[in-house]
Amino acid sequence: MSDWKKFTGKEPLSGVFWVRGLRQEVDCDVDDYGRPVWHFTDEQSSFLALVEISFDPAEDLDVCPVNQYLTGDFDEQTDSITHYKEFAMPEGPAV
């Protein structure tokens, strides 16, 4: 049985969660002056990340990756969350 829940954006989430979703692919070019110019493509890819979510009713959700290199990255400009799962610490061995 899966513990994943559908994300609607209205959940008052606070804490650490695994999130799945879609990432808008971005292409980068260089303009005449050597500056990068970003273009959104029509392609999307899926992502999985461990994030910390803070909920403020006045400001909506604040999502930050726990460790973008080891447990996945999250970018509020290109990523949209479709599902979430609470992070639970595993039981340790008996001592």
N, C-alpha and C. Protein backbone atom coordinates (compact mmCIF):
# COMPACT_ATOMS: atom_id res chain seq x y z
N MET A 1 0.84 -1.19 0.00
CA MET A 1 0.00 0.00 0.00
C MET A 1 0.87 1.24 0.00
N SER A 2 0.50 2.20 -0.79
CA SER A 2 1.29 3.42 -0.93
C SER A 2 0.81 4.48 0.05
N ASP A 3 1.75 5.20 0.62
CA ASP A 3 1.42 6.29 1.53
C ASP A 3 1.41 7.64 0.81
N TRP A 4 1.54 7.62 -0.52
CA TRP A 4 1.55 8.86 -1.29
C TRP A 4 0.14 9.45 -1.35
N LYS A 5 0.06 10.77 -1.17
CA LYS A 5 -1.22 11.46 -1.24
C LYS A 5 -1.18 12.47 -2.38
N LYS A 6 -2.31 12.66 -3.03
CA LYS A 6 -2.41 13.63 -4.13
C LYS A 6 -2.28 15.03 -3.54
N PHE A 7 -1.49 15.87 -4.18
CA PHE A 7 -1.25 17.23 -3.71
C PHE A 7 -2.16 18.19 -4.48
N THR A 8 -2.94 18.97 -3.74
CA THR A 8 -3.84 19.93 -4.38
C THR A 8 -3.35 21.37 -4.23
N GLY A 9 -2.41 21.60 -3.31
CA GLY A 9 -1.92 22.95 -3.06
C GLY A 9 -2.65 23.65 -1.93
N LYS A 10 -3.69 23.02 -1.40
CA LYS A 10 -4.47 23.62 -0.33
C LYS A 10 -4.16 23.01 1.04
N GLU A 11 -3.28 21.99 1.07
CA GLU A 11 -2.94 21.33 2.32
C GLU A 11 -2.06 22.24 3.18
N PRO A 12 -2.38 22.38 4.47
CA PRO A 12 -1.52 23.18 5.35
C PRO A 12 -0.34 22.35 5.85
N LEU A 13 0.56 22.00 4.95
CA LEU A 13 1.69 21.13 5.28
C LEU A 13 2.81 21.90 5.96
N SER A 14 3.40 21.29 6.97
CA SER A 14 4.61 21.82 7.60
C SER A 14 5.43 20.62 8.04
N GLY A 15 6.71 20.63 7.70
CA GLY A 15 7.59 19.53 8.07
C GLY A 15 8.40 19.05 6.88
N VAL A 16 8.90 17.83 7.00
CA VAL A 16 9.74 17.23 5.96
C VAL A 16 8.91 16.19 5.21
N PHE A 17 8.93 16.25 3.88
CA PHE A 17 8.12 15.37 3.05
C PHE A 17 8.91 14.93 1.82
N TRP A 18 8.60 13.73 1.33
CA TRP A 18 9.01 13.33 0.00
C TRP A 18 7.97 13.91 -0.95
N VAL A 19 8.40 14.50 -2.05
CA VAL A 19 7.46 15.02 -3.04
C VAL A 19 7.81 14.47 -4.42
N ARG A 20 6.77 14.21 -5.21
CA ARG A 20 6.92 13.82 -6.62
C ARG A 20 6.20 14.88 -7.43
N GLY A 21 6.66 15.05 -8.65
CA GLY A 21 5.97 16.03 -9.48
C GLY A 21 6.56 16.11 -10.87
N LEU A 22 6.21 17.19 -11.52
CA LEU A 22 6.66 17.43 -12.89
C LEU A 22 7.54 18.66 -12.93
N ARG A 23 8.58 18.57 -13.73
CA ARG A 23 9.54 19.67 -13.89
C ARG A 23 9.49 20.13 -15.34
N GLN A 24 9.24 21.41 -15.53
CA GLN A 24 9.25 22.02 -16.86
C GLN A 24 10.69 22.10 -17.36
N GLU A 25 10.95 21.53 -18.51
CA GLU A 25 12.30 21.55 -19.06
C GLU A 25 12.63 22.95 -19.59
N VAL A 26 13.87 23.35 -19.41
CA VAL A 26 14.33 24.67 -19.80
C VAL A 26 15.52 24.53 -20.73
N ASP A 27 15.55 25.35 -21.77
CA ASP A 27 16.67 25.37 -22.71
C ASP A 27 17.36 26.72 -22.54
N CYS A 28 18.66 26.74 -22.65
CA CYS A 28 19.41 27.97 -22.47
C CYS A 28 20.17 28.31 -23.75
N ASP A 29 20.06 29.56 -24.16
CA ASP A 29 20.83 30.09 -25.28
C ASP A 29 21.64 31.27 -24.77
N VAL A 30 22.43 31.84 -25.66
CA VAL A 30 23.23 33.01 -25.31
C VAL A 30 22.84 34.13 -26.27
N ASP A 31 22.60 35.33 -25.70
CA ASP A 31 22.23 36.44 -26.57
C ASP A 31 23.47 37.06 -27.21
N ASP A 32 23.31 38.14 -27.95
CA ASP A 32 24.41 38.79 -28.67
C ASP A 32 25.49 39.32 -27.74
N TYR A 33 25.16 39.50 -26.46
CA TYR A 33 26.12 40.05 -25.51
C TYR A 33 26.72 38.98 -24.60
N GLY A 34 26.43 37.70 -24.88
CA GLY A 34 27.00 36.61 -24.11
C GLY A 34 26.24 36.28 -22.84
N ARG A 35 25.08 36.88 -22.65
CA ARG A 35 24.28 36.60 -21.45
C ARG A 35 23.36 35.41 -21.71
N PRO A 36 23.15 34.57 -20.69
CA PRO A 36 22.25 33.42 -20.87
C PRO A 36 20.80 33.88 -21.00
N VAL A 37 20.07 33.23 -21.89
CA VAL A 37 18.65 33.49 -22.09
C VAL A 37 17.93 32.16 -21.96
N TRP A 38 16.99 32.07 -21.02
CA TRP A 38 16.29 30.82 -20.73
C TRP A 38 14.98 30.77 -21.49
N HIS A 39 14.67 29.60 -22.04
CA HIS A 39 13.41 29.37 -22.75
C HIS A 39 12.78 28.11 -22.19
N PHE A 40 11.50 28.17 -21.84
CA PHE A 40 10.78 26.96 -21.44
C PHE A 40 10.44 26.16 -22.68
N THR A 41 10.64 24.86 -22.62
CA THR A 41 10.29 23.99 -23.74
C THR A 41 8.91 23.41 -23.48
N ASP A 42 8.40 22.62 -24.40
CA ASP A 42 7.11 21.97 -24.21
C ASP A 42 7.25 20.63 -23.50
N GLU A 43 8.46 20.30 -23.05
CA GLU A 43 8.73 19.00 -22.44
C GLU A 43 8.72 19.10 -20.91
N GLN A 44 8.31 18.00 -20.28
CA GLN A 44 8.33 17.90 -18.83
C GLN A 44 8.98 16.58 -18.44
N SER A 45 9.60 16.57 -17.27
CA SER A 45 10.15 15.33 -16.73
C SER A 45 9.66 15.21 -15.28
N SER A 46 9.70 13.99 -14.75
CA SER A 46 9.26 13.79 -13.37
C SER A 46 10.46 13.95 -12.44
N PHE A 47 10.17 14.29 -11.20
CA PHE A 47 11.23 14.42 -10.20
C PHE A 47 10.75 13.85 -8.87
N LEU A 48 11.69 13.55 -8.01
CA LEU A 48 11.45 13.08 -6.65
C LEU A 48 12.44 13.82 -5.76
N ALA A 49 11.96 14.40 -4.66
CA ALA A 49 12.86 15.15 -3.79
C ALA A 49 12.38 15.11 -2.35
N LEU A 50 13.32 15.18 -1.43
CA LEU A 50 13.02 15.32 -0.02
C LEU A 50 13.10 16.81 0.29
N VAL A 51 11.99 17.37 0.76
CA VAL A 51 11.93 18.82 0.95
C VAL A 51 11.37 19.16 2.34
N GLU A 52 11.67 20.37 2.77
CA GLU A 52 11.04 20.92 3.97
C GLU A 52 9.99 21.92 3.52
N ILE A 53 8.78 21.74 4.01
CA ILE A 53 7.67 22.61 3.62
C ILE A 53 7.23 23.41 4.84
N SER A 54 7.10 24.71 4.66
CA SER A 54 6.55 25.59 5.69
C SER A 54 5.29 26.22 5.13
N PHE A 55 4.24 26.22 5.92
CA PHE A 55 2.96 26.78 5.47
C PHE A 55 2.68 28.06 6.21
N ASP A 56 2.43 29.13 5.46
CA ASP A 56 2.02 30.41 6.01
C ASP A 56 0.75 30.81 5.26
N PRO A 57 -0.41 30.87 5.93
CA PRO A 57 -1.66 31.16 5.23
C PRO A 57 -1.61 32.45 4.40
N ALA A 58 -0.81 33.40 4.83
CA ALA A 58 -0.73 34.66 4.09
C ALA A 58 0.16 34.56 2.86
N GLU A 59 1.13 33.64 2.88
CA GLU A 59 2.11 33.59 1.80
C GLU A 59 2.13 32.28 1.03
N ASP A 60 1.29 31.33 1.39
CA ASP A 60 1.25 30.03 0.71
C ASP A 60 2.38 29.13 1.22
N LEU A 61 2.76 28.15 0.45
CA LEU A 61 3.79 27.19 0.86
C LEU A 61 5.18 27.68 0.51
N ASP A 62 6.13 27.41 1.40
CA ASP A 62 7.54 27.65 1.13
C ASP A 62 8.20 26.28 1.09
N VAL A 63 8.79 25.93 -0.05
CA VAL A 63 9.37 24.60 -0.25
C VAL A 63 10.87 24.74 -0.46
N CYS A 64 11.66 24.03 0.37
CA CYS A 64 13.13 24.07 0.25
C CYS A 64 13.66 22.64 0.26
N PRO A 65 14.58 22.32 -0.67
CA PRO A 65 15.16 20.98 -0.66
C PRO A 65 15.99 20.76 0.61
N VAL A 66 15.94 19.55 1.14
CA VAL A 66 16.73 19.22 2.32
C VAL A 66 18.21 19.15 1.95
N ASN A 67 18.53 18.46 0.87
CA ASN A 67 19.89 18.39 0.35
C ASN A 67 19.78 18.15 -1.15
N GLN A 68 19.92 19.21 -1.93
CA GLN A 68 19.67 19.12 -3.37
C GLN A 68 20.59 18.16 -4.09
N TYR A 69 21.73 17.84 -3.52
CA TYR A 69 22.68 16.95 -4.18
C TYR A 69 22.42 15.47 -3.87
N LEU A 70 21.93 15.18 -2.67
CA LEU A 70 21.74 13.79 -2.26
C LEU A 70 20.29 13.32 -2.32
N THR A 71 19.34 14.22 -2.08
CA THR A 71 17.94 13.78 -1.99
C THR A 71 17.02 14.53 -2.95
N GLY A 72 17.58 15.11 -3.99
CA GLY A 72 16.76 15.75 -5.02
C GLY A 72 16.61 17.25 -4.82
N ASP A 73 16.44 17.93 -5.93
CA ASP A 73 16.32 19.38 -5.93
C ASP A 73 14.88 19.78 -6.19
N PHE A 74 14.51 20.99 -5.78
CA PHE A 74 13.18 21.54 -6.05
C PHE A 74 13.35 23.00 -6.44
N ASP A 75 12.76 23.39 -7.55
CA ASP A 75 12.82 24.76 -8.04
C ASP A 75 11.38 25.27 -8.17
N GLU A 76 11.03 26.29 -7.39
CA GLU A 76 9.65 26.80 -7.39
C GLU A 76 9.23 27.38 -8.73
N GLN A 77 10.19 27.73 -9.58
CA GLN A 77 9.86 28.33 -10.88
C GLN A 77 9.54 27.27 -11.94
N THR A 78 10.13 26.09 -11.83
CA THR A 78 9.95 25.08 -12.88
C THR A 78 9.26 23.81 -12.41
N ASP A 79 9.12 23.61 -11.10
CA ASP A 79 8.61 22.34 -10.58
C ASP A 79 7.19 22.51 -10.02
N SER A 80 6.37 21.51 -10.24
CA SER A 80 5.04 21.47 -9.63
C SER A 80 4.85 20.12 -8.95
N ILE A 81 4.40 20.16 -7.71
CA ILE A 81 4.23 18.95 -6.91
C ILE A 81 2.90 18.30 -7.27
N THR A 82 2.91 16.99 -7.50
CA THR A 82 1.68 16.26 -7.77
C THR A 82 1.31 15.34 -6.61
N HIS A 83 2.31 14.83 -5.87
CA HIS A 83 2.05 13.91 -4.76
C HIS A 83 3.06 14.18 -3.64
N TYR A 84 2.67 13.83 -2.43
CA TYR A 84 3.57 13.98 -1.29
C TYR A 84 3.41 12.80 -0.34
N LYS A 85 4.45 12.58 0.45
CA LYS A 85 4.47 11.49 1.43
C LYS A 85 5.25 11.97 2.64
N GLU A 86 4.69 11.74 3.82
CA GLU A 86 5.39 12.18 5.03
C GLU A 86 6.70 11.42 5.20
N PHE A 87 7.71 12.13 5.65
CA PHE A 87 9.00 11.52 5.94
C PHE A 87 8.96 10.98 7.36
N ALA A 88 9.28 9.73 7.51
CA ALA A 88 9.32 9.11 8.84
C ALA A 88 10.70 8.52 9.07
N MET A 89 11.25 8.77 10.24
CA MET A 89 12.54 8.18 10.57
C MET A 89 12.38 6.68 10.71
N PRO A 90 13.29 5.90 10.13
CA PRO A 90 13.19 4.45 10.29
C PRO A 90 13.54 4.04 11.71
N GLU A 91 13.03 2.90 12.12
CA GLU A 91 13.36 2.40 13.44
C GLU A 91 14.82 1.97 13.46
N GLY A 92 15.49 2.27 14.54
CA GLY A 92 16.87 1.87 14.70
C GLY A 92 16.97 0.46 15.25
N PRO A 93 18.14 -0.13 15.18
CA PRO A 93 18.31 -1.48 15.70
C PRO A 93 18.19 -1.48 17.24
N ALA A 94 17.80 -2.60 17.79
CA ALA A 94 17.72 -2.73 19.24
C ALA A 94 19.13 -2.69 19.82
N VAL A 95 19.27 -2.02 20.91
CA VAL A 95 20.60 -1.89 21.55
C VAL A 95 20.62 -2.67 22.84
